[in-house]
PDB file of N, CA and C in Angstrom:
ATOM      1  N   MET A   1      -6.652 -21.433 -11.093  1.00  0.00           N
ATOM      2  CA  MET A   1      -8.041 -21.049 -10.768  1.00  0.00           C
ATOM      3  C   MET A   1      -8.088 -19.495 -10.866  1.00  0.00           C
ATOM      4  N   LEU A   2      -7.390 -18.476 -10.549  1.00  0.00           N
ATOM      5  CA  LEU A   2      -7.638 -17.124 -10.714  1.00  0.00           C
ATOM      6  C   LEU A   2      -6.771 -16.719 -11.490  1.00  0.00           C
ATOM      7  N   GLU A   3      -5.956 -17.566 -12.400  1.00  0.00           N
ATOM      8  CA  GLU A   3      -5.079 -17.193 -13.374  1.00  0.00           C
ATOM      9  C   GLU A   3      -5.330 -16.265 -14.655  1.00  0.00           C
ATOM     10  N   ALA A   4      -6.597 -16.687 -15.042  1.00  0.00           N
ATOM     11  CA  ALA A   4      -7.245 -15.878 -16.025  1.00  0.00           C
ATOM     12  C   ALA A   4      -7.514 -14.466 -15.787  1.00  0.00           C
ATOM     13  N   LEU A   5      -7.846 -14.524 -14.590  1.00  0.00           N
ATOM     14  CA  LEU A   5      -8.315 -13.004 -14.094  1.00  0.00           C
ATOM     15  C   LEU A   5      -7.009 -12.129 -13.760  1.00  0.00           C
ATOM     16  N   LEU A   6      -6.068 -12.742 -13.018  1.00  0.00           N
ATOM     17  CA  LEU A   6      -4.851 -12.144 -12.721  1.00  0.00           C
ATOM     18  C   LEU A   6      -4.147 -11.589 -13.635  1.00  0.00           C
ATOM     19  N   GLY A   7      -3.866 -12.683 -14.850  1.00  0.00           N
ATOM     20  CA  GLY A   7      -3.108 -12.462 -15.884  1.00  0.00           C
ATOM     21  C   GLY A   7      -1.958 -13.777 -16.163  1.00  0.00           C
ATOM     22  N   ASN A   8      -1.719 -14.444 -14.943  1.00  0.00           N
ATOM     23  CA  ASN A   8      -0.789 -15.267 -15.021  1.00  0.00           C
ATOM     24  C   ASN A   8      -0.787 -15.904 -13.611  1.00  0.00           C
ATOM     25  N   LYS A   9      -0.064 -17.359 -13.740  1.00  0.00           N
ATOM     26  CA  LYS A   9       0.174 -18.150 -12.569  1.00  0.00           C
ATOM     27  C   LYS A   9       0.953 -17.466 -11.524  1.00  0.00           C
ATOM     28  N   THR A  10       1.966 -16.948 -12.070  1.00  0.00           N
ATOM     29  CA  THR A  10       2.907 -16.310 -10.719  1.00  0.00           C
ATOM     30  C   THR A  10       2.114 -15.210  -9.918  1.00  0.00           C
ATOM     31  N   ALA A  11       1.333 -14.252 -10.646  1.00  0.00           N
ATOM     32  CA  ALA A  11       0.804 -13.392 -10.128  1.00  0.00           C
ATOM     33  C   ALA A  11      -0.340 -13.901  -9.128  1.00  0.00           C
ATOM     34  N   GLU A  12      -1.236 -15.038  -9.550  1.00  0.00           N
ATOM     35  CA  GLU A  12      -2.151 -15.746  -8.656  1.00  0.00           C
ATOM     36  C   GLU A  12      -1.172 -16.234  -7.183  1.00  0.00           C
ATOM     37  N   SER A  13      -0.133 -17.106  -7.671  1.00  0.00           N
ATOM     38  CA  SER A  13       0.567 -17.793  -6.437  1.00  0.00           C
ATOM     39  C   SER A  13       0.892 -16.665  -5.566  1.00  0.00           C
ATOM     40  N   THR A  14       1.499 -15.511  -6.007  1.00  0.00           N
ATOM     41  CA  THR A  14       2.037 -14.528  -4.953  1.00  0.00           C
ATOM     42  C   THR A  14       0.819 -13.799  -4.339  1.00  0.00           C
ATOM     43  N   LEU A  15       0.031 -13.453  -4.970  1.00  0.00           N
ATOM     44  CA  LEU A  15      -1.340 -13.032  -4.064  1.00  0.00           C
ATOM     45  C   LEU A  15      -1.856 -14.195  -2.994  1.00  0.00           C
ATOM     46  N   LEU A  16      -2.053 -15.283  -3.615  1.00  0.00           N
ATOM     47  CA  LEU A  16      -2.506 -16.367  -2.454  1.00  0.00           C
ATOM     48  C   LEU A  16      -1.478 -16.691  -1.556  1.00  0.00           C
ATOM     49  N   TYR A  17      -0.474 -16.331  -1.791  1.00  0.00           N
ATOM     50  CA  TYR A  17       0.812 -16.487  -0.541  1.00  0.00           C
ATOM     51  C   TYR A  17       0.464 -15.685   0.632  1.00  0.00           C
ATOM     52  N   LEU A  18       0.648 -14.375  -0.175  1.00  0.00           N
ATOM     53  CA  LEU A  18       0.447 -13.151   0.985  1.00  0.00           C
ATOM     54  C   LEU A  18      -0.822 -13.076   1.548  1.00  0.00           C
ATOM     55  N   ALA A  19      -1.890 -13.706   1.004  1.00  0.00           N
ATOM     56  CA  ALA A  19      -3.088 -13.564   1.535  1.00  0.00           C
ATOM     57  C   ALA A  19      -3.093 -14.722   2.692  1.00  0.00           C
ATOM     58  N   ASN A  20      -2.412 -15.852   2.530  1.00  0.00           N
ATOM     59  CA  ASN A  20      -2.530 -16.863   3.489  1.00  0.00           C
ATOM     60  C   ASN A  20      -1.574 -16.578   4.554  1.00  0.00           C
ATOM     61  N   TYR A  21      -0.153 -16.278   4.335  1.00  0.00           N
ATOM     62  CA  TYR A  21       0.685 -15.819   5.477  1.00  0.00           C
ATOM     63  C   TYR A  21       0.703 -14.529   5.810  1.00  0.00           C
ATOM     64  N   ASP A  22      -0.072 -13.446   5.111  1.00  0.00           N
ATOM     65  CA  ASP A  22      -0.281 -12.198   5.706  1.00  0.00           C
ATOM     66  C   ASP A  22       0.959 -11.404   5.420  1.00  0.00           C
ATOM     67  N   GLU A  23       2.431 -11.896   5.259  1.00  0.00           N
ATOM     68  CA  GLU A  23       3.385 -11.203   4.521  1.00  0.00           C
ATOM     69  C   GLU A  23       4.286 -12.258   4.049  1.00  0.00           C
ATOM     70  N   GLY A  24       5.361 -11.789   3.078  1.00  0.00           N
ATOM     71  CA  GLY A  24       6.253 -12.935   2.480  1.00  0.00           C
ATOM     72  C   GLY A  24       7.253 -12.212   1.995  1.00  0.00           C
ATOM     73  N   TYR A  25       8.431 -12.813   1.467  1.00  0.00           N
ATOM     74  CA  TYR A  25       9.587 -12.081   0.626  1.00  0.00           C
ATOM     75  C   TYR A  25       9.799 -12.991  -0.635  1.00  0.00           C
ATOM     76  N   ALA A  26      10.496 -12.338  -1.752  1.00  0.00           N
ATOM     77  CA  ALA A  26      10.375 -12.728  -2.917  1.00  0.00           C
ATOM     78  C   ALA A  26      10.827 -14.348  -3.076  1.00  0.00           C
ATOM     79  N   SER A  27      12.070 -14.485  -2.269  1.00  0.00           N
ATOM     80  CA  SER A  27      12.664 -15.733  -2.389  1.00  0.00           C
ATOM     81  C   SER A  27      12.043 -16.871  -1.610  1.00  0.00           C
ATOM     82  N   ALA A  28      11.250 -16.829  -0.510  1.00  0.00           N
ATOM     83  CA  ALA A  28      10.470 -17.697   0.120  1.00  0.00           C
ATOM     84  C   ALA A  28       8.965 -18.130  -1.011  1.00  0.00           C
ATOM     85  N   ILE A  29       8.400 -17.137  -1.306  1.00  0.00           N
ATOM     86  CA  ILE A  29       7.556 -17.313  -2.397  1.00  0.00           C
ATOM     87  C   ILE A  29       7.924 -18.113  -3.497  1.00  0.00           C
ATOM     88  N   ALA A  30       9.225 -17.898  -4.198  1.00  0.00           N
ATOM     89  CA  ALA A  30       9.754 -18.558  -5.139  1.00  0.00           C
ATOM     90  C   ALA A  30       9.872 -19.779  -4.874  1.00  0.00           C
ATOM     91  N   HIS A  31      10.218 -20.145  -3.813  1.00  0.00           N
ATOM     92  CA  HIS A  31      11.008 -21.355  -3.019  1.00  0.00           C
ATOM     93  C   HIS A  31       9.453 -22.125  -3.065  1.00  0.00           C
ATOM     94  N   THR A  32       8.623 -21.665  -2.160  1.00  0.00           N
ATOM     95  CA  THR A  32       7.489 -22.344  -1.939  1.00  0.00           C
ATOM     96  C   THR A  32       6.847 -23.086  -3.304  1.00  0.00           C
ATOM     97  N   TYR A  33       6.583 -22.387  -4.352  1.00  0.00           N
ATOM     98  CA  TYR A  33       6.035 -22.620  -5.541  1.00  0.00           C
ATOM     99  C   TYR A  33       7.058 -23.183  -6.684  1.00  0.00           C
ATOM    100  N   ASP A  34       8.164 -23.204  -6.291  1.00  0.00           N
ATOM    101  CA  ASP A  34       9.280 -23.688  -7.129  1.00  0.00           C
ATOM    102  C   ASP A  34       9.154 -23.246  -8.580  1.00  0.00           C
ATOM    103  N   ILE A  35       9.150 -21.878  -8.548  1.00  0.00           N
ATOM    104  CA  ILE A  35       9.138 -20.704  -9.567  1.00  0.00           C
ATOM    105  C   ILE A  35      10.564 -19.945  -9.587  1.00  0.00           C
ATOM    106  N   SER A  36      10.773 -19.295 -10.685  1.00  0.00           N
ATOM    107  CA  SER A  36      11.765 -18.327 -10.867  1.00  0.00           C
ATOM    108  C   SER A  36      11.631 -17.010  -9.991  1.00  0.00           C
ATOM    109  N   LEU A  37      12.708 -17.161  -9.226  1.00  0.00           N
ATOM    110  CA  LEU A  37      12.732 -16.030  -8.326  1.00  0.00           C
ATOM    111  C   LEU A  37      12.732 -14.553  -9.082  1.00  0.00           C
ATOM    112  N   ASN A  38      13.277 -14.120 -10.266  1.00  0.00           N
ATOM    113  CA  ASN A  38      12.996 -13.207 -11.081  1.00  0.00           C
ATOM    114  C   ASN A  38      11.486 -13.003 -11.379  1.00  0.00           C
ATOM    115  N   MET A  39      10.917 -14.126 -11.637  1.00  0.00           N
ATOM    116  CA  MET A  39       9.713 -13.930 -11.941  1.00  0.00           C
ATOM    117  C   MET A  39       8.420 -13.666 -11.111  1.00  0.00           C
ATOM    118  N   VAL A  40       9.161 -14.020  -9.788  1.00  0.00           N
ATOM    119  CA  VAL A  40       8.388 -13.389  -8.453  1.00  0.00           C
ATOM    120  C   VAL A  40       8.452 -11.956  -8.258  1.00  0.00           C
ATOM    121  N   GLN A  41      10.089 -11.580  -8.281  1.00  0.00           N
ATOM    122  CA  GLN A  41      10.290 -10.321  -8.237  1.00  0.00           C
ATOM    123  C   GLN A  41       9.333  -9.154  -9.336  1.00  0.00           C
ATOM    124  N   LYS A  42       9.674  -9.554 -10.389  1.00  0.00           N
ATOM    125  CA  LYS A  42       8.779  -8.802 -11.556  1.00  0.00           C
ATOM    126  C   LYS A  42       7.363  -8.673 -11.083  1.00  0.00           C
ATOM    127  N   GLN A  43       6.407  -9.821 -10.539  1.00  0.00           N
ATOM    128  CA  GLN A  43       5.204  -9.595 -10.368  1.00  0.00           C
ATOM    129  C   GLN A  43       5.143  -8.455  -9.091  1.00  0.00           C
ATOM    130  N   LEU A  44       5.962  -8.889  -7.956  1.00  0.00           N
ATOM    131  CA  LEU A  44       6.027  -7.996  -6.852  1.00  0.00           C
ATOM    132  C   LEU A  44       5.887  -6.610  -7.275  1.00  0.00           C
ATOM    133  N   ALA A  45       7.159  -6.386  -7.868  1.00  0.00           N
ATOM    134  CA  ALA A  45       7.236  -4.921  -8.447  1.00  0.00           C
ATOM    135  C   ALA A  45       5.941  -4.221  -9.474  1.00  0.00           C
ATOM    136  N   ARG A  46       5.194  -4.903 -10.034  1.00  0.00           N
ATOM    137  CA  ARG A  46       4.074  -4.790 -10.950  1.00  0.00           C
ATOM    138  C   ARG A  46       2.947  -4.278 -10.031  1.00  0.00           C
ATOM    139  N   LEU A  47       2.672  -5.396  -8.887  1.00  0.00           N
ATOM    140  CA  LEU A  47       1.813  -5.373  -8.088  1.00  0.00           C
ATOM    141  C   LEU A  47       2.182  -3.963  -7.171  1.00  0.00           C
ATOM    142  N   GLU A  48       3.390  -3.873  -6.628  1.00  0.00           N
ATOM    143  CA  GLU A  48       3.460  -2.207  -5.919  1.00  0.00           C
ATOM    144  C   GLU A  48       3.534  -1.315  -6.615  1.00  0.00           C
ATOM    145  N   MET A  49       3.617  -1.549  -7.926  1.00  0.00           N
ATOM    146  CA  MET A  49       3.402  -0.281  -8.632  1.00  0.00           C
ATOM    147  C   MET A  49       1.881   0.041  -8.916  1.00  0.00           C
ATOM    148  N   GLY A  50       1.132  -0.908  -8.861  1.00  0.00           N
ATOM    149  CA  GLY A  50      -0.229  -0.737  -8.936  1.00  0.00           C
ATOM    150  C   GLY A  50      -1.011  -0.718  -7.405  1.00  0.00           C
ATOM    151  N   GLN A  51      -0.108  -0.489  -6.494  1.00  0.00           N
ATOM    152  CA  GLN A  51      -0.470  -0.055  -5.125  1.00  0.00           C
ATOM    153  C   GLN A  51      -1.172  -1.298  -4.417  1.00  0.00           C
ATOM    154  N   ILE A  52      -1.283  -2.554  -4.867  1.00  0.00           N
ATOM    155  CA  ILE A  52      -1.999  -3.682  -4.614  1.00  0.00           C
ATOM    156  C   ILE A  52      -1.291  -4.450  -3.532  1.00  0.00           C
ATOM    157  N   VAL A  53       0.347  -4.196  -3.617  1.00  0.00           N
ATOM    158  CA  VAL A  53       1.222  -4.776  -2.156  1.00  0.00           C
ATOM    159  C   VAL A  53       2.017  -3.585  -1.847  1.00  0.00           C
ATOM    160  N   VAL A  54       2.265  -3.460  -0.654  1.00  0.00           N
ATOM    161  CA  VAL A  54       3.360  -2.605  -0.255  1.00  0.00           C
ATOM    162  C   VAL A  54       4.241  -3.711   0.365  1.00  0.00           C
ATOM    163  N   SER A  55       5.561  -2.860   0.629  1.00  0.00           N
ATOM    164  CA  SER A  55       6.718  -3.215   1.144  1.00  0.00           C
ATOM    165  C   SER A  55       7.473  -2.419   2.384  1.00  0.00           C
ATOM    166  N   HIS A  56       8.415  -3.223   3.160  1.00  0.00           N
ATOM    167  CA  HIS A  56       9.187  -2.917   3.970  1.00  0.00           C
ATOM    168  C   HIS A  56      10.296  -3.406   3.913  1.00  0.00           C
ATOM    169  N   TRP A  57      11.341  -2.864   4.608  1.00  0.00           N
ATOM    170  CA  TRP A  57      12.853  -3.492   4.983  1.00  0.00           C
ATOM    171  C   TRP A  57      12.604  -4.260   6.175  1.00  0.00           C
ATOM    172  N   VAL A  58      13.168  -5.260   6.360  1.00  0.00           N
ATOM    173  CA  VAL A  58      13.372  -6.049   7.374  1.00  0.00           C
ATOM    174  C   VAL A  58      14.835  -6.590   7.436  1.00  0.00           C
ATOM    175  N   GLY A  59      15.769  -5.465   8.225  1.00  0.00           N
ATOM    176  CA  GLY A  59      17.223  -5.865   7.539  1.00  0.00           C
ATOM    177  C   GLY A  59      17.462  -5.674   6.330  1.00  0.00           C
ATOM    178  N   LYS A  60      17.940  -6.620   5.453  1.00  0.00           N
ATOM    179  CA  LYS A  60      18.405  -6.334   4.176  1.00  0.00           C
ATOM    180  C   LYS A  60      17.121  -7.145   3.495  1.00  0.00           C
ATOM    181  N   THR A  61      16.248  -7.854   3.904  1.00  0.00           N
ATOM    182  CA  THR A  61      15.396  -8.439   3.417  1.00  0.00           C
ATOM    183  C   THR A  61      13.906  -7.389   3.074  1.00  0.00           C
ATOM    184  N   ARG A  62      13.380  -7.520   1.858  1.00  0.00           N
ATOM    185  CA  ARG A  62      12.051  -6.688   1.489  1.00  0.00           C
ATOM    186  C   ARG A  62      10.938  -7.509   1.831  1.00  0.00           C
ATOM    187  N   VAL A  63      10.135  -6.946   2.624  1.00  0.00           N
ATOM    188  CA  VAL A  63       8.832  -7.809   2.970  1.00  0.00           C
ATOM    189  C   VAL A  63       7.951  -7.256   2.136  1.00  0.00           C
ATOM    190  N   TYR A  64       6.779  -7.988   1.972  1.00  0.00           N
ATOM    191  CA  TYR A  64       5.823  -7.562   0.907  1.00  0.00           C
ATOM    192  C   TYR A  64       4.476  -8.129   1.712  1.00  0.00           C
ATOM    193  N   GLN A  65       3.383  -7.273   1.669  1.00  0.00           N
ATOM    194  CA  GLN A  65       2.007  -7.600   2.130  1.00  0.00           C
ATOM    195  C   GLN A  65       1.080  -7.066   1.222  1.00  0.00           C
ATOM    196  N   LEU A  66      -0.159  -7.445   1.291  1.00  0.00           N
ATOM    197  CA  LEU A  66      -1.378  -6.885   0.639  1.00  0.00           C
ATOM    198  C   LEU A  66      -1.533  -5.230   1.409  1.00  0.00           C
ATOM    199  N   ASN A  67      -1.661  -4.426   0.495  1.00  0.00           N
ATOM    200  CA  ASN A  67      -2.058  -2.949   0.804  1.00  0.00           C
ATOM    201  C   ASN A  67      -3.326  -3.071   1.472  1.00  0.00           C
ATOM    202  N   PRO A  68      -3.379  -2.728   2.643  1.00  0.00           N
ATOM    203  CA  PRO A  68      -4.595  -2.634   3.687  1.00  0.00           C
ATOM    204  C   PRO A  68      -5.223  -1.147   3.143  1.00  0.00           C
ATOM    205  N   ARG A  69      -4.595  -0.566   2.451  1.00  0.00           N
ATOM    206  CA  ARG A  69      -5.157   0.987   2.484  1.00  0.00           C
ATOM    207  C   ARG A  69      -5.616   1.209   0.782  1.00  0.00           C
ATOM    208  N   TRP A  70      -5.479   0.061   0.057  1.00  0.00           N
ATOM    209  CA  TRP A  70      -6.017   0.070  -1.077  1.00  0.00           C
ATOM    210  C   TRP A  70      -7.426  -0.117  -1.259  1.00  0.00           C
ATOM    211  N   PHE A  71      -7.995   0.555  -2.498  1.00  0.00           N
ATOM    212  CA  PHE A  71      -9.379   0.774  -2.300  1.00  0.00           C
ATOM    213  C   PHE A  71     -10.129  -0.746  -2.581  1.00  0.00           C
ATOM    214  N   PHE A  72      -9.918  -1.497  -3.102  1.00  0.00           N
ATOM    215  CA  PHE A  72     -10.406  -2.954  -3.554  1.00  0.00           C
ATOM    216  C   PHE A  72      -9.731  -3.912  -2.390  1.00  0.00           C
ATOM    217  N   PHE A  73      -8.994  -3.278  -1.653  1.00  0.00           N
ATOM    218  CA  PHE A  73      -8.293  -4.297  -0.372  1.00  0.00           C
ATOM    219  C   PHE A  73      -9.286  -5.407   0.127  1.00  0.00           C
ATOM    220  N   LYS A  74     -10.462  -5.292   0.659  1.00  0.00           N
ATOM    221  CA  LYS A  74     -11.279  -5.938   0.911  1.00  0.00           C
ATOM    222  C   LYS A  74     -11.811  -7.124   0.233  1.00  0.00           C
ATOM    223  N   ASP A  75     -12.522  -6.585  -0.972  1.00  0.00           N
ATOM    224  CA  ASP A  75     -12.753  -7.192  -2.132  1.00  0.00           C
ATOM    225  C   ASP A  75     -11.637  -8.652  -2.408  1.00  0.00           C
ATOM    226  N   LEU A  76     -10.474  -7.733  -2.889  1.00  0.00           N
ATOM    227  CA  LEU A  76      -9.456  -8.750  -3.363  1.00  0.00           C
ATOM    228  C   LEU A  76      -9.287  -9.773  -2.084  1.00  0.00           C
ATOM    229  N   TYR A  77      -9.102  -9.186  -0.927  1.00  0.00           N
ATOM    230  CA  TYR A  77      -8.901 -10.467   0.153  1.00  0.00           C
ATOM    231  C   TYR A  77     -10.035 -11.486   0.506  1.00  0.00           C
ATOM    232  N   GLN A  78     -11.338 -10.981   0.147  1.00  0.00           N
ATOM    233  CA  GLN A  78     -11.994 -12.018   0.232  1.00  0.00           C
ATOM    234  C   GLN A  78     -12.315 -12.849  -0.935  1.00  0.00           C
ATOM    235  N   LEU A  79     -12.072 -12.460  -2.237  1.00  0.00           N
ATOM    236  CA  LEU A  79     -11.709 -13.135  -3.464  1.00  0.00           C
ATOM    237  C   LEU A  79     -10.642 -14.331  -3.088  1.00  0.00           C
ATOM    238  N   LEU A  80      -9.376 -13.996  -2.506  1.00  0.00           N
ATOM    239  CA  LEU A  80      -8.167 -14.675  -2.415  1.00  0.00           C
ATOM    240  C   LEU A  80      -8.633 -15.577  -1.366  1.00  0.00           C
ATOM    241  N   THR A  81      -9.288 -15.391  -0.286  1.00  0.00           N
ATOM    242  CA  THR A  81      -9.448 -16.414   0.897  1.00  0.00           C
ATOM    243  C   THR A  81     -10.793 -17.134   0.259  1.00  0.00           C
ATOM    244  N   LYS A  82     -11.517 -16.949  -0.458  1.00  0.00           N
ATOM    245  CA  LYS A  82     -12.400 -17.633  -1.198  1.00  0.00           C
ATOM    246  C   LYS A  82     -11.676 -18.750  -2.172  1.00  0.00           C
ATOM    247  N   ALA A  83     -11.056 -18.334  -2.805  1.00  0.00           N
ATOM    248  CA  ALA A  83      -9.998 -19.250  -3.772  1.00  0.00           C
ATOM    249  C   ALA A  83      -9.090 -20.208  -2.927  1.00  0.00           C
ATOM    250  N   LEU A  84      -8.616 -19.632  -1.761  1.00  0.00           N
ATOM    251  CA  LEU A  84      -7.963 -20.771  -0.597  1.00  0.00           C
ATOM    252  C   LEU A  84      -8.814 -21.982  -0.099  1.00  0.00           C
ATOM    253  N   GLU A  85     -10.163 -21.380   0.230  1.00  0.00           N
ATOM    254  CA  GLU A  85     -11.156 -22.501   0.531  1.00  0.00           C
ATOM    255  C   GLU A  85     -11.172 -23.519  -0.676  1.00  0.00           C
ATOM    256  N   ALA A  86     -10.943 -23.028  -2.084  1.00  0.00           N
ATOM    257  CA  ALA A  86     -10.943 -24.328  -3.151  1.00  0.00           C
ATOM    258  C   ALA A  86      -9.850 -25.098  -3.282  1.00  0.00           C
ATOM    259  N   VAL A  87      -8.861 -24.771  -2.751  1.00  0.00           N
ATOM    260  CA  VAL A  87      -7.476 -25.335  -3.091  1.00  0.00           C
ATOM    261  C   VAL A  87      -7.535 -26.852  -2.572  1.00  0.00           C
ATOM    262  N   SER A  88      -7.331 -27.677  -3.154  1.00  0.00           N
ATOM    263  CA  SER A  88      -6.917 -29.096  -2.590  1.00  0.00           C
ATOM    264  C   SER A  88      -6.107 -29.624  -1.269  1.00  0.00           C
ATOM    265  N   GLU A  89      -6.699 -30.184  -0.502  1.00  0.00           N
ATOM    266  CA  GLU A  89      -6.174 -30.643   0.744  1.00  0.00           C
ATOM    267  C   GLU A  89      -4.778 -31.086   0.247  1.00  0.00           C
ATOM    268  N   GLU A  90      -4.123 -31.669  -0.550  1.00  0.00           N
ATOM    269  CA  GLU A  90      -2.877 -31.975  -0.722  1.00  0.00           C
ATOM    270  C   GLU A  90      -2.125 -30.607  -1.038  1.00  0.00           C
ATOM    271  N   ASP A  91      -2.755 -29.637  -1.887  1.00  0.00           N
ATOM    272  CA  ASP A  91      -1.968 -28.311  -2.243  1.00  0.00           C
ATOM    273  C   ASP A  91      -1.785 -27.554  -0.821  1.00  0.00           C
ATOM    274  N   ILE A  92      -3.184 -27.658  -0.009  1.00  0.00           N
ATOM    275  CA  ILE A  92      -2.707 -26.927   1.375  1.00  0.00           C
ATOM    276  C   ILE A  92      -1.815 -27.296   2.163  1.00  0.00           C
ATOM    277  N   ARG A  93      -1.474 -28.740   2.130  1.00  0.00           N
ATOM    278  CA  ARG A  93      -0.423 -29.260   2.859  1.00  0.00           C
ATOM    279  C   ARG A  93       0.986 -28.763   2.411  1.00  0.00           C
ATOM    280  N   LYS A  94       0.993 -28.681   0.926  1.00  0.00           N
ATOM    281  CA  LYS A  94       2.080 -28.444   0.332  1.00  0.00           C
ATOM    282  C   LYS A  94       2.349 -26.922   0.333  1.00  0.00           C
ATOM    283  N   TYR A  95       1.576 -26.294   0.366  1.00  0.00           N
ATOM    284  CA  TYR A  95       2.062 -24.666   0.072  1.00  0.00           C
ATOM    285  C   TYR A  95       1.665 -23.640   1.152  1.00  0.00           C
ATOM    286  N   TYR A  96       0.541 -24.113   1.744  1.00  0.00           N
ATOM    287  CA  TYR A  96      -0.193 -23.032   2.873  1.00  0.00           C
ATOM    288  C   TYR A  96       0.028 -23.463   4.273  1.00  0.00           C
ATOM    289  N   ARG A  97       0.778 -24.635   4.714  1.00  0.00           N
ATOM    290  CA  ARG A  97       0.834 -24.982   6.050  1.00  0.00           C
ATOM    291  C   ARG A  97       2.174 -25.067   6.212  1.00  0.00           C
ATOM    292  N   GLN A  98       3.129 -24.179   5.725  1.00  0.00           N
ATOM    293  CA  GLN A  98       4.642 -24.573   6.192  1.00  0.00           C
ATOM    294  C   GLN A  98       4.776 -23.772   7.384  1.00  0.00           C
ATOM    295  N   ARG A  99       6.052 -24.305   8.297  1.00  0.00           N
ATOM    296  CA  ARG A  99       6.251 -24.116   9.554  1.00  0.00           C
ATOM    297  C   ARG A  99       6.569 -22.356   9.250  1.00  0.00           C
ATOM    298  N   ARG A 100       6.361 -21.775  10.323  1.00  0.00           N
ATOM    299  CA  ARG A 100       6.792 -20.332  10.272  1.00  0.00           C
ATOM    300  C   ARG A 100       7.606 -20.000  11.527  1.00  0.00           C
ATOM    301  N   ARG A 101       8.060 -21.227  12.459  1.00  0.00           N
ATOM    302  CA  ARG A 101       9.239 -20.712  13.505  1.00  0.00           C
ATOM    303  C   ARG A 101       9.826 -22.043  13.637  1.00  0.00           C
ATOM    304  N   PRO A 102      10.867 -22.096  14.410  1.00  0.00           N
ATOM    305  CA  PRO A 102      11.791 -23.417  14.194  1.00  0.00           C
ATOM    306  C   PRO A 102      11.129 -24.546  15.413  1.00  0.00           C
ATOM    307  N   ARG A 103      11.316 -25.770  15.262  1.00  0.00           N
ATOM    308  CA  ARG A 103      10.720 -26.578  15.769  1.00  0.00           C
ATOM    309  C   ARG A 103      11.777 -26.689  17.194  1.00  0.00           C
ATOM    310  N   ARG A 104      11.089 -27.382  18.219  1.00  0.00           N
ATOM    311  CA  ARG A 104      12.337 -27.196  19.574  1.00  0.00           C
ATOM    312  C   ARG A 104      13.125 -28.296  19.536  1.00  0.00           C
ATOM    313  N   LYS A 105      14.155 -28.149  19.766  1.00  0.00           N
ATOM    314  CA  LYS A 105      15.384 -28.973  19.706  1.00  0.00           C
ATOM    315  C   LYS A 105      15.013 -30.530  19.818  1.00  0.00           C
ATOM    316  N   ASP A 106      14.781 -30.621  20.915  1.00  0.00           N
ATOM    317  CA  ASP A 106      14.484 -32.193  21.245  1.00  0.00           C
ATOM    318  C   ASP A 106      13.340 -32.819  20.846  1.00  0.00           C
ATOM    319  N   LYS A 107      12.302 -32.267  20.280  1.00  0.00           N
ATOM    320  CA  LYS A 107      10.982 -32.654  19.767  1.00  0.00           C
ATOM    321  C   LYS A 107      11.398 -33.610  18.608  1.00  0.00           C
ATOM    322  N   PRO A 108      10.654 -34.855  18.776  1.00  0.00           N
ATOM    323  CA  PRO A 108      10.789 -35.611  17.626  1.00  0.00           C
ATOM    324  C   PRO A 108       9.841 -35.133  16.220  1.00  0.00           C
ATOM    325  N   LEU A 109      10.159 -35.752  15.425  1.00  0.00           N
ATOM    326  CA  LEU A 109       9.529 -35.503  14.151  1.00  0.00           C
ATOM    327  C   LEU A 109       8.226 -35.847  13.825  1.00  0.00           C
ATOM    328  N   TRP A 110       7.675 -37.126  14.155  1.00  0.00           N
ATOM    329  CA  TRP A 110       6.761 -37.632  14.150  1.00  0.00           C
ATOM    330  C   TRP A 110       6.214 -38.214  15.474  1.00  0.00           C
ATOM    331  N   GLN A 111       4.926 -37.881  15.755  1.00  0.00           N
ATOM    332  CA  GLN A 111       4.426 -38.232  17.131  1.00  0.00           C
ATOM    333  C   GLN A 111       3.490 -39.465  16.934  1.00  0.00           C
ATOM    334  N   LYS A 112       3.615 -40.365  18.006  1.00  0.00           N
ATOM    335  CA  LYS A 112       2.621 -41.406  17.867  1.00  0.00           C
ATOM    336  C   LYS A 112       1.208 -41.492  18.635  1.00  0.00           C
TER     337      LYS A 112
END
């Protein structure tokens, strides 16, 4: 969808992930979209060099997020959220609704 504008599919997936989840790390992004970790790391490095994303360390993990101080942040965020609205329901369930916290120990997987 935004691949032509952003240059490639990995950059699009990375930015959509960060817009949806607010932050993320390279291996989580790579695992979500089933793409090479090296490709995601290169895109994150490129985006960080352009000051589009910023990172910080959480333990031994580098966590990335969209740079709220970037001049075009609001415009980019609006574009990405508009693109997320156009994503199919199947892709939303597959990529953008992952659990972010553990399930209660005795909770059943399926509710009737």
